[in-house]
């Protein structure tokens, strides 16, 4: 990866400033990797900003809100202010996503023309084109893992707080080191531990409210299993974020004999989401592709417009039957 890191540094150093952006409704992987890149760029004396669509930190999920409030960063920019900061030589670093429609603020692509993309998801057909650098490595567990290798290359240690947040990001994206993990994933975790990653702080970031836990448990109670190894959970109430769907799918995968899981929920008035997980024996990416989505073999998703939860559930059953 040395050539990649060299190229990245060259791009960042030859532009006036860097704006960092992840996907909308960022999770711990997205926010930890954004903070990590900002930290590394600051150590290299490169002016940089993290783009957030919401000014109130508590508008995000509780774990991300905690991180934003405790990170002690002063370089956040917002839709109402970013145009005052950027210029023609600003480069946009997009992390953990490569589709315009999934950006924290999609309109920014119309303003900042120079773009770098770093992602670990399987490449979608709707990827952002005309970039300075486009890098996807679907063997990576997370973007947090990528930022560990970048820091090691630069011989820079993260702060204890940031190392802890990155470790939490890896844990979230691997469902507790059970999915998408390789030897390198554990090596990255060990590297973060050597930087002082605090397991107590990490657990604090991963905690959730009792109401959230019970709400998810109620949804899981209504799930059912088909073909003896596939769990499906159609949600009876709308969900606030895609992350909530993902958490339900991951919990379903912990059930005995379940090898693949699907959580289906209403995201917006005319949009239904499916979050899919697998232990590896069933290719959920292929299933989601047939429903207009994509992802990894073990971690995939799809969003269907102008559909209901019941209609989407029927479409999923049809795809599963076709692939039998």
Protein backbone atom coordinates (compact mmCIF):
# COMPACT_ATOMS: atom_id res chain seq x y z
CA UNK A 1 0.00 0.00 0.00
CA UNK A 2 3.05 2.27 0.13
CA UNK A 3 2.47 3.55 -3.42
CA UNK A 4 -1.13 4.39 -2.56
CA UNK A 5 -0.12 6.29 0.56
CA UNK A 6 2.56 8.19 -1.36
CA UNK A 7 0.04 9.18 -3.99
CA UNK A 8 -2.49 10.24 -1.35
CA UNK A 9 0.05 12.45 0.39
CA UNK A 10 1.09 14.03 -2.93
CA UNK A 11 -2.53 14.84 -3.78
CA UNK A 12 -3.27 16.30 -0.35
CA UNK A 13 -0.05 18.36 -0.25
CA UNK A 14 -0.56 19.83 -3.72
CA UNK A 15 -4.01 21.20 -2.88
CA UNK A 16 -4.84 24.18 -0.71
CA UNK A 17 -7.03 22.28 1.75
CA UNK A 18 -8.87 19.00 2.24
CA UNK A 19 -12.57 18.56 3.04
CA UNK A 20 -13.38 15.15 4.55
CA UNK A 21 -16.82 13.62 4.09
CA UNK A 22 -18.36 10.21 4.77
CA UNK A 23 -21.83 8.81 4.12
CA UNK A 24 -25.04 10.23 5.53
CA UNK A 25 -26.08 8.99 8.97
CA UNK A 26 -22.42 8.18 9.72
CA UNK A 27 -21.63 5.23 11.96
CA UNK A 28 -18.58 4.75 14.17
CA UNK A 29 -16.46 3.51 11.27
CA UNK A 30 -17.27 6.54 9.13
CA UNK A 31 -16.79 9.09 11.90
CA UNK A 32 -13.66 7.47 13.38
CA UNK A 33 -11.94 7.26 9.99
CA UNK A 34 -12.88 10.89 9.26
CA UNK A 35 -11.38 12.02 12.56
CA UNK A 36 -8.32 9.86 11.95
CA UNK A 37 -7.66 11.31 8.51
CA UNK A 38 -8.11 14.81 9.90
CA UNK A 39 -5.60 14.01 12.64
CA UNK A 40 -3.01 12.68 10.18
CA UNK A 41 -3.44 15.65 7.83
CA UNK A 42 -3.02 18.07 10.73
CA UNK A 43 0.21 16.29 11.71
CA UNK A 44 1.37 16.86 8.11
CA UNK A 45 0.42 20.57 8.38
CA UNK A 46 -2.30 20.18 5.75
CA UNK A 47 -5.37 22.38 6.30
CA UNK A 48 -8.45 20.19 6.58
CA UNK A 49 -12.11 20.19 7.59
CA UNK A 50 -14.68 17.51 8.43
CA UNK A 51 -18.04 18.11 6.76
CA UNK A 52 -21.15 17.48 8.85
CA UNK A 53 -24.70 18.01 7.63
CA UNK A 54 -26.07 18.71 11.12
CA UNK A 55 -24.77 21.34 13.54
CA UNK A 56 -26.12 19.62 16.64
CA UNK A 57 -23.96 16.64 17.54
CA UNK A 58 -26.89 15.00 19.35
CA UNK A 59 -28.77 14.87 16.04
CA UNK A 60 -26.63 11.84 15.19
CA UNK A 61 -26.82 8.40 16.78
CA UNK A 62 -25.82 8.35 20.45
CA UNK A 63 -22.40 6.76 19.85
CA UNK A 64 -21.48 9.17 17.03
CA UNK A 65 -22.78 12.11 19.05
CA UNK A 66 -20.53 11.07 21.94
CA UNK A 67 -17.51 10.95 19.66
CA UNK A 68 -18.23 14.33 18.06
CA UNK A 69 -18.68 16.01 21.44
CA UNK A 70 -15.59 14.41 22.99
CA UNK A 71 -13.27 14.71 19.99
CA UNK A 72 -12.48 18.34 20.80
CA UNK A 73 -12.23 19.18 17.08
CA UNK A 74 -12.72 22.73 15.85
CA UNK A 75 -12.58 22.01 12.14
CA UNK A 76 -16.17 20.94 11.45
CA UNK A 77 -17.91 22.67 8.55
CA UNK A 78 -21.57 22.64 7.55
CA UNK A 79 -23.78 23.22 4.49
CA UNK A 80 -24.33 26.82 5.54
CA UNK A 81 -20.63 27.67 5.91
CA UNK A 82 -18.48 25.47 3.67
CA UNK A 83 -18.56 27.76 0.62
CA UNK A 84 -16.80 30.45 2.65
CA UNK A 85 -13.87 28.09 3.25
CA UNK A 86 -13.29 26.17 0.03
CA UNK A 87 -11.56 27.39 -3.14
CA UNK A 88 -10.70 26.01 -6.58
CA UNK A 89 -7.76 24.06 -5.16
CA UNK A 90 -9.72 22.27 -2.45
CA UNK A 91 -9.85 18.49 -2.66
CA UNK A 92 -12.73 16.42 -1.28
CA UNK A 93 -11.74 13.19 0.50
CA UNK A 94 -14.71 10.82 0.55
CA UNK A 95 -14.52 7.96 3.06
CA UNK A 96 -16.51 4.76 3.53
CA UNK A 97 -18.77 5.38 0.51
CA UNK A 98 -18.43 5.90 -3.23
CA UNK A 99 -21.94 6.82 -4.42
CA UNK A 100 -23.02 10.45 -4.68
CA UNK A 101 -26.54 9.80 -3.40
CA UNK A 102 -25.17 8.31 -0.16
CA UNK A 103 -22.88 11.22 0.72
CA UNK A 104 -23.43 13.24 3.88
CA UNK A 105 -24.15 16.18 1.57
CA UNK A 106 -24.44 15.11 -2.10
CA UNK A 107 -24.56 18.67 -3.47
CA UNK A 108 -20.93 19.22 -2.52
CA UNK A 109 -19.86 17.30 -5.64
CA UNK A 110 -21.23 20.18 -7.71
CA UNK A 111 -18.93 22.62 -5.91
CA UNK A 112 -15.71 20.72 -5.19
CA UNK A 113 -14.53 19.13 -8.43
CA UNK A 114 -11.32 17.47 -7.20
CA UNK A 115 -12.24 14.22 -5.44
CA UNK A 116 -10.45 11.34 -3.71
CA UNK A 117 -12.43 8.23 -2.77
CA UNK A 118 -11.35 5.68 -0.17
CA UNK A 119 -13.78 2.86 0.54
CA UNK A 120 -14.02 -0.80 1.55
CA UNK A 121 -17.39 -1.71 0.06
CA UNK A 122 -17.89 -3.67 -3.17
CA UNK A 123 -18.00 -1.26 -6.10
CA UNK A 124 -21.47 -0.16 -7.14
CA UNK A 125 -22.51 0.73 -10.68
CA UNK A 126 -23.41 4.22 -9.46
CA UNK A 127 -19.91 5.15 -8.33
CA UNK A 128 -18.56 8.71 -8.51
CA UNK A 129 -16.47 9.23 -11.63
CA UNK A 130 -13.72 11.68 -12.70
CA UNK A 131 -11.73 11.47 -9.49
CA UNK A 132 -8.13 12.31 -8.62
CA UNK A 133 -7.89 8.91 -6.95
CA UNK A 134 -10.42 6.11 -6.62
CA UNK A 135 -9.49 3.31 -4.19
CA UNK A 136 -11.71 0.48 -3.02
CA UNK A 137 -10.42 -2.55 -1.13
CA UNK A 138 -13.29 -4.87 -0.23
CA UNK A 139 -10.91 -7.12 1.73
CA UNK A 140 -10.62 -4.41 4.38
CA UNK A 141 -12.85 -4.84 7.41
CA UNK A 142 -13.45 -1.11 7.69
CA UNK A 143 -12.08 2.32 6.88
CA UNK A 144 -10.85 2.45 10.48
CA UNK A 145 -8.52 -0.42 9.60
CA UNK A 146 -7.28 1.52 6.56
CA UNK A 147 -6.47 4.51 8.80
CA UNK A 148 -4.37 2.28 11.03
CA UNK A 149 -2.19 1.30 8.07
CA UNK A 150 -1.97 4.92 6.94
CA UNK A 151 -0.82 6.02 10.41
CA UNK A 152 1.71 3.20 10.59
CA UNK A 153 3.10 4.21 7.20
CA UNK A 154 3.50 7.79 8.42
CA UNK A 155 4.93 6.55 11.74
CA UNK A 156 2.29 8.57 13.60
CA UNK A 157 0.52 7.34 16.72
CA UNK A 158 -3.09 8.30 17.38
CA UNK A 159 -4.20 9.74 20.70
CA UNK A 160 -5.68 7.32 23.22
CA UNK A 161 -9.15 8.69 22.50
CA UNK A 162 -8.82 8.37 18.73
CA UNK A 163 -7.27 4.89 18.95
CA UNK A 164 -10.23 3.84 21.11
CA UNK A 165 -12.75 5.30 18.66
CA UNK A 166 -11.06 3.56 15.72
CA UNK A 167 -11.11 0.25 17.59
CA UNK A 168 -14.84 0.74 18.20
CA UNK A 169 -15.25 1.47 14.48
CA UNK A 170 -13.54 -1.81 13.56
CA UNK A 171 -15.66 -3.71 16.07
CA UNK A 172 -18.92 -2.23 14.72
CA UNK A 173 -18.11 -2.99 11.09
CA UNK A 174 -17.03 -6.56 11.87
CA UNK A 175 -19.91 -7.28 14.26
CA UNK A 176 -17.50 -7.92 17.10
CA UNK A 177 -14.72 -9.38 14.90
CA UNK A 178 -16.99 -12.11 13.53
CA UNK A 179 -17.47 -10.83 9.96
CA UNK A 180 -15.12 -9.45 7.28
CA UNK A 181 -12.06 -10.16 9.41
CA UNK A 182 -8.64 -11.22 8.21
CA UNK A 183 -5.31 -11.59 9.94
CA UNK A 184 -4.70 -7.93 9.08
CA UNK A 185 -7.84 -6.90 10.96
CA UNK A 186 -6.53 -8.38 14.20
CA UNK A 187 -3.08 -6.90 13.52
CA UNK A 188 -4.71 -3.47 13.11
CA UNK A 189 -6.58 -3.94 16.39
CA UNK A 190 -3.30 -4.90 18.10
CA UNK A 191 -1.67 -1.79 16.64
CA UNK A 192 -4.44 0.38 18.10
CA UNK A 193 -3.98 -1.37 21.45
CA UNK A 194 -0.28 -0.52 21.33
CA UNK A 195 -1.25 3.13 20.81
CA UNK A 196 -3.21 2.97 24.06
CA UNK A 197 -6.74 2.16 22.86
CA UNK A 198 -8.87 2.03 26.00
CA UNK A 199 -11.24 -0.95 26.11
CA UNK A 200 -13.39 0.76 28.78
CA UNK A 201 -13.81 3.87 26.62
CA UNK A 202 -14.51 1.68 23.60
CA UNK A 203 -17.28 -0.10 25.49
CA UNK A 204 -18.74 3.24 26.59
CA UNK A 205 -18.99 4.27 22.94
CA UNK A 206 -20.70 1.00 22.03
CA UNK A 207 -23.32 1.23 24.78
CA UNK A 208 -26.95 1.98 23.93
CA UNK A 209 -30.06 2.97 25.83
CA UNK A 210 -32.40 0.42 27.36
CA UNK A 211 -35.23 1.69 25.14
CA UNK A 212 -33.15 1.14 22.00
CA UNK A 213 -32.21 -2.36 23.11
CA UNK A 214 -35.81 -3.32 23.92
CA UNK A 215 -37.11 -1.80 20.67
CA UNK A 216 -34.68 -3.97 18.69
CA UNK A 217 -35.62 -7.02 20.78
CA UNK A 218 -39.31 -6.45 19.96
CA UNK A 219 -38.53 -6.37 16.25
CA UNK A 220 -36.42 -9.52 16.48
CA UNK A 221 -39.25 -11.28 18.30
CA UNK A 222 -41.38 -10.87 15.16
CA UNK A 223 -38.74 -12.42 12.86
CA UNK A 224 -39.05 -15.86 11.30
CA UNK A 225 -36.74 -18.45 9.74
CA UNK A 226 -37.08 -20.03 6.30
CA UNK A 227 -35.08 -22.90 4.78
CA UNK A 228 -33.85 -23.60 8.33
CA UNK A 229 -30.99 -21.09 7.98
CA UNK A 230 -32.34 -17.72 6.74
CA UNK A 231 -33.87 -15.24 9.18
CA UNK A 232 -36.18 -12.48 7.93
CA UNK A 233 -37.43 -9.60 10.04
CA UNK A 234 -40.06 -7.27 8.53
CA UNK A 235 -40.37 -4.26 10.82
CA UNK A 236 -43.83 -3.14 11.84
CA UNK A 237 -42.72 0.46 12.51
CA UNK A 238 -40.56 2.89 10.50
CA UNK A 239 -36.88 3.08 11.46
CA UNK A 240 -34.87 6.26 11.84
CA UNK A 241 -31.68 5.10 10.12
CA UNK A 242 -30.23 2.33 7.97
CA UNK A 243 -27.90 1.61 10.87
CA UNK A 244 -30.87 0.45 12.95
CA UNK A 245 -31.74 -2.06 10.23
CA UNK A 246 -28.12 -3.21 10.12
CA UNK A 247 -28.05 -3.76 13.88
CA UNK A 248 -31.18 -5.92 13.69
CA UNK A 249 -29.72 -8.00 10.84
CA UNK A 250 -26.52 -8.51 12.84
CA UNK A 251 -28.45 -9.61 15.92
CA UNK A 252 -30.45 -12.10 13.85
CA UNK A 253 -27.19 -13.65 12.66
CA UNK A 254 -26.44 -14.63 16.26
CA UNK A 255 -29.44 -16.96 16.36
CA UNK A 256 -28.81 -20.71 16.31
CA UNK A 257 -28.52 -22.23 12.81
CA UNK A 258 -29.00 -18.87 11.06
CA UNK A 259 -26.49 -18.35 8.23
CA UNK A 260 -28.05 -15.28 6.60
CA UNK A 261 -30.38 -12.57 7.86
CA UNK A 262 -32.50 -9.80 6.36
CA UNK A 263 -34.08 -6.86 8.17
CA UNK A 264 -36.69 -4.93 6.17
CA UNK A 265 -37.99 -1.55 7.28
CA UNK A 266 -39.58 1.70 6.14
CA UNK A 267 -36.88 4.39 5.98
CA UNK A 268 -38.82 7.20 4.37
CA UNK A 269 -42.36 7.66 3.11
CA UNK A 270 -41.53 6.12 -0.28
CA UNK A 271 -38.39 4.16 0.58
CA UNK A 272 -37.92 0.73 2.11
CA UNK A 273 -34.50 -0.56 3.14
CA UNK A 274 -33.14 -4.08 3.46
CA UNK A 275 -30.04 -4.82 5.48
CA UNK A 276 -28.51 -8.25 4.85
CA UNK A 277 -25.87 -10.19 6.75
CA UNK A 278 -24.26 -13.61 6.30
CA UNK A 279 -21.64 -15.72 8.02
CA UNK A 280 -20.15 -16.37 4.57
CA UNK A 281 -21.92 -19.47 3.27
CA UNK A 282 -24.67 -17.42 1.58
CA UNK A 283 -23.77 -14.54 -0.75
CA UNK A 284 -26.08 -11.74 0.43
CA UNK A 285 -24.41 -9.33 -1.99
CA UNK A 286 -25.78 -11.29 -4.94
CA UNK A 287 -29.24 -11.31 -3.36
CA UNK A 288 -29.19 -7.57 -2.76
CA UNK A 289 -27.93 -6.90 -6.30
CA UNK A 290 -31.09 -8.52 -7.63
CA UNK A 291 -33.02 -5.99 -5.57
CA UNK A 292 -31.02 -3.01 -6.79
CA UNK A 293 -28.43 -2.92 -4.03
CA UNK A 294 -25.00 -4.36 -3.34
CA UNK A 295 -22.25 -4.70 -0.75
CA UNK A 296 -20.08 -7.56 0.48
CA UNK A 297 -20.68 -11.30 0.40
CA UNK A 298 -21.36 -11.10 4.14
CA UNK A 299 -22.68 -7.54 4.41
CA UNK A 300 -25.04 -5.96 1.88
CA UNK A 301 -28.08 -3.71 1.57
CA UNK A 302 -30.66 -2.31 -0.79
CA UNK A 303 -33.15 0.54 -0.87
CA UNK A 304 -36.37 0.21 -2.85
CA UNK A 305 -38.42 3.24 -3.85
CA UNK A 306 -42.22 3.27 -4.10
CA UNK A 307 -42.50 0.00 -2.21
CA UNK A 308 -43.94 -1.13 1.10
CA UNK A 309 -42.37 -3.45 3.66
CA UNK A 310 -44.80 -6.24 2.66
CA UNK A 311 -44.09 -5.80 -1.06
CA UNK A 312 -40.34 -5.78 -0.42
CA UNK A 313 -40.65 -8.89 1.73
CA UNK A 314 -42.42 -10.67 -1.15
CA UNK A 315 -39.72 -9.56 -3.61
CA UNK A 316 -37.02 -10.90 -1.28
CA UNK A 317 -38.79 -14.27 -1.02
CA UNK A 318 -38.99 -14.45 -4.82
CA UNK A 319 -35.25 -13.80 -5.20
CA UNK A 320 -34.43 -16.40 -2.53
CA UNK A 321 -36.60 -18.95 -4.33
CA UNK A 322 -34.89 -18.20 -7.66
CA UNK A 323 -31.47 -18.76 -6.11
CA UNK A 324 -32.32 -22.04 -4.42
